[in-house]
Amino acid sequence: MQSRADSPGTGMEAALLARVRELLDDLPKWRLPHAAWSRPAAAVEALAAAYDAGDGLALQVAVARLEVLSPPRPSATDAPDSALRDGGGDHGGGNGAGA
């Protein structure tokens, strides 16, 4: 038997559901002041309601809202602090041709 989320036409594709799982897995790692949790909590409630209703569009909106509220994550392209301190790379002024 298929679940509502797996049914064709619900707008709840596997990629969207994978993103939901990723966000919910990351949520306990967020470090927010106690008072700042009300907005993420409301977004999670909206996410759950959209899922329960089988509303793929509302689920996408709830995911986007939660993503906006999430703290920034370092990316693979972020330079380590040591590269910035040591002048690694040619990030200004020069033409990159060497002297």
PDB file of N, CA and C in Angstrom:
ATOM      1  N   MET A   1       0.836  -1.186   0.000  1.00  0.00           N
ATOM      2  CA  MET A   1       0.000   0.000   0.000  1.00  0.00           C
ATOM      3  C   MET A   1       0.875   1.242   0.000  1.00  0.00           C
ATOM      4  N   GLN A   2       0.560   2.182  -0.881  1.00  0.00           N
ATOM      5  CA  GLN A   2       1.338   3.419  -0.953  1.00  0.00           C
ATOM      6  C   GLN A   2       0.889   4.396   0.116  1.00  0.00           C
ATOM      7  N   SER A   3       1.847   5.128   0.676  1.00  0.00           N
ATOM      8  CA  SER A   3       1.475   6.197   1.588  1.00  0.00           C
ATOM      9  C   SER A   3       1.065   7.403   0.770  1.00  0.00           C
ATOM     10  N   ARG A   4       0.372   8.331   1.414  1.00  0.00           N
ATOM     11  CA  ARG A   4      -0.068   9.542   0.726  1.00  0.00           C
ATOM     12  C   ARG A   4       1.127  10.277   0.136  1.00  0.00           C
ATOM     13  N   ALA A   5       2.250  10.298   0.842  1.00  0.00           N
ATOM     14  CA  ALA A   5       3.422  11.038   0.368  1.00  0.00           C
ATOM     15  C   ALA A   5       4.019  10.431  -0.889  1.00  0.00           C
ATOM     16  N   ASP A   6       3.817   9.120  -1.079  1.00  0.00           N
ATOM     17  CA  ASP A   6       4.382   8.463  -2.248  1.00  0.00           C
ATOM     18  C   ASP A   6       3.412   8.407  -3.420  1.00  0.00           C
ATOM     19  N   SER A   7       2.191   8.838  -3.219  1.00  0.00           N
ATOM     20  CA  SER A   7       1.184   8.763  -4.261  1.00  0.00           C
ATOM     21  C   SER A   7       1.467   9.756  -5.368  1.00  0.00           C
ATOM     22  N   PRO A   8       1.263   9.360  -6.616  1.00  0.00           N
ATOM     23  CA  PRO A   8       1.468  10.284  -7.723  1.00  0.00           C
ATOM     24  C   PRO A   8       0.501  11.460  -7.619  1.00  0.00           C
ATOM     25  N   GLY A   9       0.975  12.629  -8.003  1.00  0.00           N
ATOM     26  CA  GLY A   9       0.114  13.796  -8.052  1.00  0.00           C
ATOM     27  C   GLY A   9       0.001  14.572  -6.752  1.00  0.00           C
ATOM     28  N   THR A  10       0.668  14.139  -5.684  1.00  0.00           N
ATOM     29  CA  THR A  10       0.562  14.871  -4.428  1.00  0.00           C
ATOM     30  C   THR A  10       1.534  16.039  -4.368  1.00  0.00           C
ATOM     31  N   GLY A  11       2.506  16.069  -5.253  1.00  0.00           N
ATOM     32  CA  GLY A  11       3.511  17.123  -5.212  1.00  0.00           C
ATOM     33  C   GLY A  11       4.585  16.876  -4.161  1.00  0.00           C
ATOM     34  N   MET A  12       4.571  15.681  -3.572  1.00  0.00           N
ATOM     35  CA  MET A  12       5.556  15.346  -2.546  1.00  0.00           C
ATOM     36  C   MET A  12       6.565  14.373  -3.130  1.00  0.00           C
ATOM     37  N   GLU A  13       7.426  14.894  -3.987  1.00  0.00           N
ATOM     38  CA  GLU A  13       8.430  14.073  -4.639  1.00  0.00           C
ATOM     39  C   GLU A  13       9.492  13.644  -3.638  1.00  0.00           C
ATOM     40  N   ALA A  14      10.214  12.614  -4.008  1.00  0.00           N
ATOM     41  CA  ALA A  14      11.245  12.058  -3.133  1.00  0.00           C
ATOM     42  C   ALA A  14      12.281  13.101  -2.742  1.00  0.00           C
ATOM     43  N   ALA A  15      12.666  13.980  -3.657  1.00  0.00           N
ATOM     44  CA  ALA A  15      13.681  14.996  -3.339  1.00  0.00           C
ATOM     45  C   ALA A  15      13.177  15.961  -2.264  1.00  0.00           C
ATOM     46  N   LEU A  16      11.917  16.327  -2.351  1.00  0.00           N
ATOM     47  CA  LEU A  16      11.338  17.226  -1.340  1.00  0.00           C
ATOM     48  C   LEU A  16      11.284  16.539   0.016  1.00  0.00           C
ATOM     49  N   LEU A  17      10.865  15.291   0.025  1.00  0.00           N
ATOM     50  CA  LEU A  17      10.801  14.555   1.290  1.00  0.00           C
ATOM     51  C   LEU A  17      12.188  14.328   1.871  1.00  0.00           C
ATOM     52  N   ALA A  18      13.183  14.129   1.011  1.00  0.00           N
ATOM     53  CA  ALA A  18      14.560  13.990   1.485  1.00  0.00           C
ATOM     54  C   ALA A  18      15.026  15.292   2.133  1.00  0.00           C
ATOM     55  N   ARG A  19      14.650  16.434   1.547  1.00  0.00           N
ATOM     56  CA  ARG A  19      15.019  17.735   2.120  1.00  0.00           C
ATOM     57  C   ARG A  19      14.327  17.935   3.466  1.00  0.00           C
ATOM     58  N   VAL A  20      13.088  17.498   3.573  1.00  0.00           N
ATOM     59  CA  VAL A  20      12.374  17.577   4.854  1.00  0.00           C
ATOM     60  C   VAL A  20      13.126  16.778   5.913  1.00  0.00           C
ATOM     61  N   ARG A  21      13.504  15.559   5.569  1.00  0.00           N
ATOM     62  CA  ARG A  21      14.252  14.719   6.522  1.00  0.00           C
ATOM     63  C   ARG A  21      15.569  15.371   6.916  1.00  0.00           C
ATOM     64  N   GLU A  22      16.259  15.955   5.949  1.00  0.00           N
ATOM     65  CA  GLU A  22      17.541  16.607   6.222  1.00  0.00           C
ATOM     66  C   GLU A  22      17.350  17.772   7.193  1.00  0.00           C
ATOM     67  N   LEU A  23      16.349  18.591   6.938  1.00  0.00           N
ATOM     68  CA  LEU A  23      16.088  19.731   7.820  1.00  0.00           C
ATOM     69  C   LEU A  23      15.731  19.266   9.231  1.00  0.00           C
ATOM     70  N   LEU A  24      14.883  18.265   9.325  1.00  0.00           N
ATOM     71  CA  LEU A  24      14.478  17.779  10.642  1.00  0.00           C
ATOM     72  C   LEU A  24      15.642  17.112  11.370  1.00  0.00           C
ATOM     73  N   ASP A  25      16.541  16.462  10.631  1.00  0.00           N
ATOM     74  CA  ASP A  25      17.738  15.887  11.252  1.00  0.00           C
ATOM     75  C   ASP A  25      18.674  16.969  11.767  1.00  0.00           C
ATOM     76  N   ASP A  26      18.746  18.102  11.050  1.00  0.00           N
ATOM     77  CA  ASP A  26      19.634  19.194  11.444  1.00  0.00           C
ATOM     78  C   ASP A  26      19.082  20.014  12.607  1.00  0.00           C
ATOM     79  N   LEU A  27      17.784  20.030  12.761  1.00  0.00           N
ATOM     80  CA  LEU A  27      17.130  20.904  13.731  1.00  0.00           C
ATOM     81  C   LEU A  27      17.694  20.789  15.150  1.00  0.00           C
ATOM     82  N   PRO A  28      17.940  19.589  15.676  1.00  0.00           N
ATOM     83  CA  PRO A  28      18.488  19.508  17.037  1.00  0.00           C
ATOM     84  C   PRO A  28      19.895  20.112  17.177  1.00  0.00           C
ATOM     85  N   LYS A  29      20.579  20.315  16.065  1.00  0.00           N
ATOM     86  CA  LYS A  29      21.930  20.879  16.098  1.00  0.00           C
ATOM     87  C   LYS A  29      21.929  22.403  16.140  1.00  0.00           C
ATOM     88  N   TRP A  30      20.757  23.011  15.874  1.00  0.00           N
ATOM     89  CA  TRP A  30      20.678  24.471  15.876  1.00  0.00           C
ATOM     90  C   TRP A  30      20.949  24.989  17.276  1.00  0.00           C
ATOM     91  N   ARG A  31      21.674  26.080  17.357  1.00  0.00           N
ATOM     92  CA  ARG A  31      21.968  26.727  18.633  1.00  0.00           C
ATOM     93  C   ARG A  31      21.323  28.101  18.611  1.00  0.00           C
ATOM     94  N   LEU A  32      20.112  28.179  19.181  1.00  0.00           N
ATOM     95  CA  LEU A  32      19.356  29.426  19.207  1.00  0.00           C
ATOM     96  C   LEU A  32      19.015  29.777  20.647  1.00  0.00           C
ATOM     97  N   PRO A  33      18.896  31.071  20.939  1.00  0.00           N
ATOM     98  CA  PRO A  33      18.390  31.446  22.262  1.00  0.00           C
ATOM     99  C   PRO A  33      16.971  30.906  22.433  1.00  0.00           C
ATOM    100  N   HIS A  34      16.589  30.629  23.659  1.00  0.00           N
ATOM    101  CA  HIS A  34      15.276  30.043  23.935  1.00  0.00           C
ATOM    102  C   HIS A  34      14.143  30.816  23.258  1.00  0.00           C
ATOM    103  N   ALA A  35      14.183  32.129  23.334  1.00  0.00           N
ATOM    104  CA  ALA A  35      13.108  32.965  22.774  1.00  0.00           C
ATOM    105  C   ALA A  35      13.044  32.897  21.247  1.00  0.00           C
ATOM    106  N   ALA A  36      14.125  32.491  20.605  1.00  0.00           N
ATOM    107  CA  ALA A  36      14.169  32.468  19.136  1.00  0.00           C
ATOM    108  C   ALA A  36      13.577  31.193  18.537  1.00  0.00           C
ATOM    109  N   TRP A  37      13.163  30.235  19.356  1.00  0.00           N
ATOM    110  CA  TRP A  37      12.658  28.968  18.844  1.00  0.00           C
ATOM    111  C   TRP A  37      11.205  29.024  18.393  1.00  0.00           C
ATOM    112  N   SER A  38      10.477  30.085  18.694  1.00  0.00           N
ATOM    113  CA  SER A  38       9.052  30.111  18.345  1.00  0.00           C
ATOM    114  C   SER A  38       8.840  30.086  16.831  1.00  0.00           C
ATOM    115  N   ARG A  39       9.665  30.797  16.077  1.00  0.00           N
ATOM    116  CA  ARG A  39       9.497  30.818  14.612  1.00  0.00           C
ATOM    117  C   ARG A  39       9.835  29.466  13.978  1.00  0.00           C
ATOM    118  N   PRO A  40      10.964  28.836  14.337  1.00  0.00           N
ATOM    119  CA  PRO A  40      11.205  27.500  13.784  1.00  0.00           C
ATOM    120  C   PRO A  40      10.125  26.496  14.214  1.00  0.00           C
ATOM    121  N   ALA A  41       9.630  26.608  15.431  1.00  0.00           N
ATOM    122  CA  ALA A  41       8.581  25.695  15.893  1.00  0.00           C
ATOM    123  C   ALA A  41       7.321  25.860  15.050  1.00  0.00           C
ATOM    124  N   ALA A  42       6.955  27.094  14.752  1.00  0.00           N
ATOM    125  CA  ALA A  42       5.781  27.346  13.908  1.00  0.00           C
ATOM    126  C   ALA A  42       5.998  26.797  12.497  1.00  0.00           C
ATOM    127  N   ALA A  43       7.224  26.919  11.989  1.00  0.00           N
ATOM    128  CA  ALA A  43       7.524  26.392  10.657  1.00  0.00           C
ATOM    129  C   ALA A  43       7.434  24.865  10.639  1.00  0.00           C
ATOM    130  N   VAL A  44       7.881  24.221  11.703  1.00  0.00           N
ATOM    131  CA  VAL A  44       7.791  22.756  11.781  1.00  0.00           C
ATOM    132  C   VAL A  44       6.321  22.335  11.877  1.00  0.00           C
ATOM    133  N   GLU A  45       5.530  23.088  12.627  1.00  0.00           N
ATOM    134  CA  GLU A  45       4.097  22.778  12.714  1.00  0.00           C
ATOM    135  C   GLU A  45       3.433  22.911  11.340  1.00  0.00           C
ATOM    136  N   ALA A  46       3.791  23.955  10.585  1.00  0.00           N
ATOM    137  CA  ALA A  46       3.240  24.138   9.237  1.00  0.00           C
ATOM    138  C   ALA A  46       3.694  23.005   8.322  1.00  0.00           C
ATOM    139  N   LEU A  47       4.938  22.587   8.483  1.00  0.00           N
ATOM    140  CA  LEU A  47       5.468  21.482   7.695  1.00  0.00           C
ATOM    141  C   LEU A  47       4.682  20.202   7.983  1.00  0.00           C
ATOM    142  N   ALA A  48       4.429  19.920   9.255  1.00  0.00           N
ATOM    143  CA  ALA A  48       3.683  18.714   9.633  1.00  0.00           C
ATOM    144  C   ALA A  48       2.251  18.768   9.105  1.00  0.00           C
ATOM    145  N   ALA A  49       1.620  19.927   9.208  1.00  0.00           N
ATOM    146  CA  ALA A  49       0.248  20.074   8.722  1.00  0.00           C
ATOM    147  C   ALA A  49       0.174  19.864   7.213  1.00  0.00           C
ATOM    148  N   ALA A  50       1.147  20.414   6.493  1.00  0.00           N
ATOM    149  CA  ALA A  50       1.171  20.250   5.039  1.00  0.00           C
ATOM    150  C   ALA A  50       1.369  18.789   4.663  1.00  0.00           C
ATOM    151  N   TYR A  51       2.257  18.114   5.369  1.00  0.00           N
ATOM    152  CA  TYR A  51       2.496  16.697   5.097  1.00  0.00           C
ATOM    153  C   TYR A  51       1.234  15.884   5.375  1.00  0.00           C
ATOM    154  N   ASP A  52       0.620  16.136   6.541  1.00  0.00           N
ATOM    155  CA  ASP A  52      -0.595  15.400   6.908  1.00  0.00           C
ATOM    156  C   ASP A  52      -1.723  15.616   5.898  1.00  0.00           C
ATOM    157  N   ALA A  53      -1.792  16.825   5.344  1.00  0.00           N
ATOM    158  CA  ALA A  53      -2.838  17.143   4.372  1.00  0.00           C
ATOM    159  C   ALA A  53      -2.499  16.647   2.967  1.00  0.00           C
ATOM    160  N   GLY A  54      -1.258  16.197   2.775  1.00  0.00           N
ATOM    161  CA  GLY A  54      -0.841  15.768   1.440  1.00  0.00           C
ATOM    162  C   GLY A  54      -0.699  16.934   0.480  1.00  0.00           C
ATOM    163  N   ASP A  55      -0.428  18.116   1.018  1.00  0.00           N
ATOM    164  CA  ASP A  55      -0.342  19.346   0.219  1.00  0.00           C
ATOM    165  C   ASP A  55       1.122  19.630  -0.116  1.00  0.00           C
ATOM    166  N   GLY A  56       1.540  19.208  -1.303  1.00  0.00           N
ATOM    167  CA  GLY A  56       2.934  19.363  -1.716  1.00  0.00           C
ATOM    168  C   GLY A  56       3.373  20.802  -1.812  1.00  0.00           C
ATOM    169  N   LEU A  57       2.508  21.685  -2.288  1.00  0.00           N
ATOM    170  CA  LEU A  57       2.870  23.093  -2.400  1.00  0.00           C
ATOM    171  C   LEU A  57       3.073  23.714  -1.026  1.00  0.00           C
ATOM    172  N   ALA A  58       2.167  23.437  -0.104  1.00  0.00           N
ATOM    173  CA  ALA A  58       2.321  23.967   1.262  1.00  0.00           C
ATOM    174  C   ALA A  58       3.566  23.385   1.923  1.00  0.00           C
ATOM    175  N   LEU A  59       3.887  22.136   1.602  1.00  0.00           N
ATOM    176  CA  LEU A  59       5.096  21.529   2.150  1.00  0.00           C
ATOM    177  C   LEU A  59       6.336  22.245   1.615  1.00  0.00           C
ATOM    178  N   GLN A  60       6.343  22.565   0.325  1.00  0.00           N
ATOM    179  CA  GLN A  60       7.470  23.313  -0.251  1.00  0.00           C
ATOM    180  C   GLN A  60       7.625  24.667   0.422  1.00  0.00           C
ATOM    181  N   VAL A  61       6.512  25.343   0.674  1.00  0.00           N
ATOM    182  CA  VAL A  61       6.551  26.651   1.337  1.00  0.00           C
ATOM    183  C   VAL A  61       7.094  26.505   2.758  1.00  0.00           C
ATOM    184  N   ALA A  62       6.645  25.485   3.466  1.00  0.00           N
ATOM    185  CA  ALA A  62       7.114  25.271   4.835  1.00  0.00           C
ATOM    186  C   ALA A  62       8.605  24.941   4.872  1.00  0.00           C
ATOM    187  N   VAL A  63       9.066  24.152   3.908  1.00  0.00           N
ATOM    188  CA  VAL A  63      10.494  23.825   3.819  1.00  0.00           C
ATOM    189  C   VAL A  63      11.301  25.094   3.560  1.00  0.00           C
ATOM    190  N   ALA A  64      10.837  25.908   2.635  1.00  0.00           N
ATOM    191  CA  ALA A  64      11.547  27.156   2.331  1.00  0.00           C
ATOM    192  C   ALA A  64      11.594  28.059   3.555  1.00  0.00           C
ATOM    193  N   ARG A  65      10.491  28.139   4.284  1.00  0.00           N
ATOM    194  CA  ARG A  65      10.455  28.975   5.489  1.00  0.00           C
ATOM    195  C   ARG A  65      11.451  28.466   6.528  1.00  0.00           C
ATOM    196  N   LEU A  66      11.505  27.166   6.714  1.00  0.00           N
ATOM    197  CA  LEU A  66      12.438  26.593   7.675  1.00  0.00           C
ATOM    198  C   LEU A  66      13.884  26.791   7.228  1.00  0.00           C
ATOM    199  N   GLU A  67      14.141  26.689   5.931  1.00  0.00           N
ATOM    200  CA  GLU A  67      15.489  26.923   5.412  1.00  0.00           C
ATOM    201  C   GLU A  67      15.935  28.363   5.671  1.00  0.00           C
ATOM    202  N   VAL A  68      15.024  29.313   5.508  1.00  0.00           N
ATOM    203  CA  VAL A  68      15.357  30.720   5.749  1.00  0.00           C
ATOM    204  C   VAL A  68      15.691  30.942   7.220  1.00  0.00           C
ATOM    205  N   LEU A  69      15.009  30.241   8.097  1.00  0.00           N
ATOM    206  CA  LEU A  69      15.224  30.402   9.537  1.00  0.00           C
ATOM    207  C   LEU A  69      16.463  29.668  10.038  1.00  0.00           C
ATOM    208  N   SER A  70      16.949  28.701   9.259  1.00  0.00           N
ATOM    209  CA  SER A  70      18.072  27.887   9.727  1.00  0.00           C
ATOM    210  C   SER A  70      19.350  28.703   9.792  1.00  0.00           C
ATOM    211  N   PRO A  71      20.204  28.367  10.759  1.00  0.00           N
ATOM    212  CA  PRO A  71      21.487  29.066  10.843  1.00  0.00           C
ATOM    213  C   PRO A  71      22.356  28.731   9.633  1.00  0.00           C
ATOM    214  N   PRO A  72      23.251  29.633   9.274  1.00  0.00           N
ATOM    215  CA  PRO A  72      24.126  29.358   8.122  1.00  0.00           C
ATOM    216  C   PRO A  72      25.027  28.160   8.390  1.00  0.00           C
ATOM    217  N   ARG A  73      25.296  27.418   7.326  1.00  0.00           N
ATOM    218  CA  ARG A  73      26.208  26.278   7.418  1.00  0.00           C
ATOM    219  C   ARG A  73      27.432  26.577   6.582  1.00  0.00           C
ATOM    220  N   PRO A  74      28.601  26.182   7.068  1.00  0.00           N
ATOM    221  CA  PRO A  74      29.799  26.375   6.237  1.00  0.00           C
ATOM    222  C   PRO A  74      29.695  25.514   4.985  1.00  0.00           C
ATOM    223  N   SER A  75      30.194  26.048   3.894  1.00  0.00           N
ATOM    224  CA  SER A  75      30.173  25.273   2.654  1.00  0.00           C
ATOM    225  C   SER A  75      31.569  24.769   2.348  1.00  0.00           C
ATOM    226  N   ALA A  76      31.661  23.873   1.392  1.00  0.00           N
ATOM    227  CA  ALA A  76      32.955  23.304   1.004  1.00  0.00           C
ATOM    228  C   ALA A  76      33.873  24.364   0.412  1.00  0.00           C
ATOM    229  N   THR A  77      33.304  25.474  -0.070  1.00  0.00           N
ATOM    230  CA  THR A  77      34.126  26.510  -0.683  1.00  0.00           C
ATOM    231  C   THR A  77      34.576  27.571   0.319  1.00  0.00           C
ATOM    232  N   ASP A  78      34.110  27.468   1.574  1.00  0.00           N
ATOM    233  CA  ASP A  78      34.562  28.434   2.582  1.00  0.00           C
ATOM    234  C   ASP A  78      36.053  28.226   2.849  1.00  0.00           C
ATOM    235  N   ALA A  79      36.794  29.314   2.814  1.00  0.00           N
ATOM    236  CA  ALA A  79      38.236  29.239   3.051  1.00  0.00           C
ATOM    237  C   ALA A  79      38.493  29.099   4.542  1.00  0.00           C
ATOM    238  N   PRO A  80      39.446  28.253   4.919  1.00  0.00           N
ATOM    239  CA  PRO A  80      39.813  28.191   6.328  1.00  0.00           C
ATOM    240  C   PRO A  80      40.432  29.516   6.761  1.00  0.00           C
ATOM    241  N   ASP A  81      40.287  29.833   8.036  1.00  0.00           N
ATOM    242  CA  ASP A  81      40.840  31.082   8.566  1.00  0.00           C
ATOM    243  C   ASP A  81      42.332  31.210   8.289  1.00  0.00           C
ATOM    244  N   SER A  82      43.071  30.110   8.330  1.00  0.00           N
ATOM    245  CA  SER A  82      44.513  30.180   8.123  1.00  0.00           C
ATOM    246  C   SER A  82      44.847  30.667   6.716  1.00  0.00           C
ATOM    247  N   ALA A  83      44.047  30.308   5.736  1.00  0.00           N
ATOM    248  CA  ALA A  83      44.301  30.767   4.363  1.00  0.00           C
ATOM    249  C   ALA A  83      44.126  32.270   4.274  1.00  0.00           C
ATOM    250  N   LEU A  84      43.176  32.799   5.020  1.00  0.00           N
ATOM    251  CA  LEU A  84      42.963  34.241   5.002  1.00  0.00           C
ATOM    252  C   LEU A  84      44.072  34.963   5.752  1.00  0.00           C
ATOM    253  N   ARG A  85      44.480  34.406   6.900  1.00  0.00           N
ATOM    254  CA  ARG A  85      45.547  35.021   7.693  1.00  0.00           C
ATOM    255  C   ARG A  85      46.875  35.003   6.955  1.00  0.00           C
ATOM    256  N   ASP A  86      47.161  33.900   6.281  1.00  0.00           N
ATOM    257  CA  ASP A  86      48.454  33.726   5.631  1.00  0.00           C
ATOM    258  C   ASP A  86      48.507  34.352   4.243  1.00  0.00           C
ATOM    259  N   GLY A  87      47.421  34.983   3.828  1.00  0.00           N
ATOM    260  CA  GLY A  87      47.410  35.623   2.518  1.00  0.00           C
ATOM    261  C   GLY A  87      47.277  34.635   1.382  1.00  0.00           C
ATOM    262  N   GLY A  88      46.713  33.461   1.670  1.00  0.00           N
ATOM    263  CA  GLY A  88      46.550  32.447   0.636  1.00  0.00           C
ATOM    264  C   GLY A  88      45.672  32.940  -0.497  1.00  0.00           C
ATOM    265  N   GLY A  89      46.024  32.627  -1.700  1.00  0.00           N
ATOM    266  CA  GLY A  89      45.220  33.013  -2.868  1.00  0.00           C
ATOM    267  C   GLY A  89      45.462  34.450  -3.272  1.00  0.00           C
ATOM    268  N   ASP A  90      45.029  34.805  -4.437  1.00  0.00           N
ATOM    269  CA  ASP A  90      45.169  36.160  -4.951  1.00  0.00           C
ATOM    270  C   ASP A  90      43.789  36.795  -4.941  1.00  0.00           C
ATOM    271  N   HIS A  91      43.458  37.468  -3.824  1.00  0.00           N
ATOM    272  CA  HIS A  91      42.116  37.987  -3.633  1.00  0.00           C
ATOM    273  C   HIS A  91      42.082  39.501  -3.647  1.00  0.00           C
ATOM    274  N   GLY A  92      42.764  40.103  -4.497  1.00  0.00           N
ATOM    275  CA  GLY A  92      42.668  41.556  -4.562  1.00  0.00           C
ATOM    276  C   GLY A  92      43.913  42.156  -5.147  1.00  0.00           C
ATOM    277  N   GLY A  93      43.803  43.369  -5.500  1.00  0.00           N
ATOM    278  CA  GLY A  93      44.907  44.186  -5.938  1.00  0.00           C
ATOM    279  C   GLY A  93      45.746  43.642  -7.061  1.00  0.00           C
ATOM    280  N   GLY A  94      46.211  42.421  -6.952  1.00  0.00           N
ATOM    281  CA  GLY A  94      47.146  41.907  -7.937  1.00  0.00           C
ATOM    282  C   GLY A  94      46.465  41.426  -9.193  1.00  0.00           C
ATOM    283  N   ASN A  95      47.265  41.220 -10.223  1.00  0.00           N
ATOM    284  CA  ASN A  95      46.696  40.723 -11.470  1.00  0.00           C
ATOM    285  C   ASN A  95      46.840  39.212 -11.594  1.00  0.00           C
ATOM    286  N   GLY A  96      47.407  38.562 -10.568  1.00  0.00           N
ATOM    287  CA  GLY A  96      47.541  37.118 -10.575  1.00  0.00           C
ATOM    288  C   GLY A  96      48.704  36.625 -11.403  1.00  0.00           C
ATOM    289  N   ALA A  97      49.453  37.522 -12.057  1.00  0.00           N
ATOM    290  CA  ALA A  97      50.557  37.103 -12.924  1.00  0.00           C
ATOM    291  C   ALA A  97      51.842  36.899 -12.153  1.00  0.00           C
ATOM    292  N   GLY A  98      51.890  37.342 -10.903  1.00  0.00           N
ATOM    293  CA  GLY A  98      53.134  37.239 -10.134  1.00  0.00           C
ATOM    294  C   GLY A  98      54.046  38.397 -10.455  1.00  0.00           C
ATOM    295  N   ALA A  99      55.015  38.648  -9.575  1.00  0.00           N
ATOM    296  CA  ALA A  99      55.861  39.822  -9.762  1.00  0.00           C
ATOM    297  C   ALA A  99      57.155  39.516 -10.398  1.00  0.00           C
TER     298      ALA A  99
END
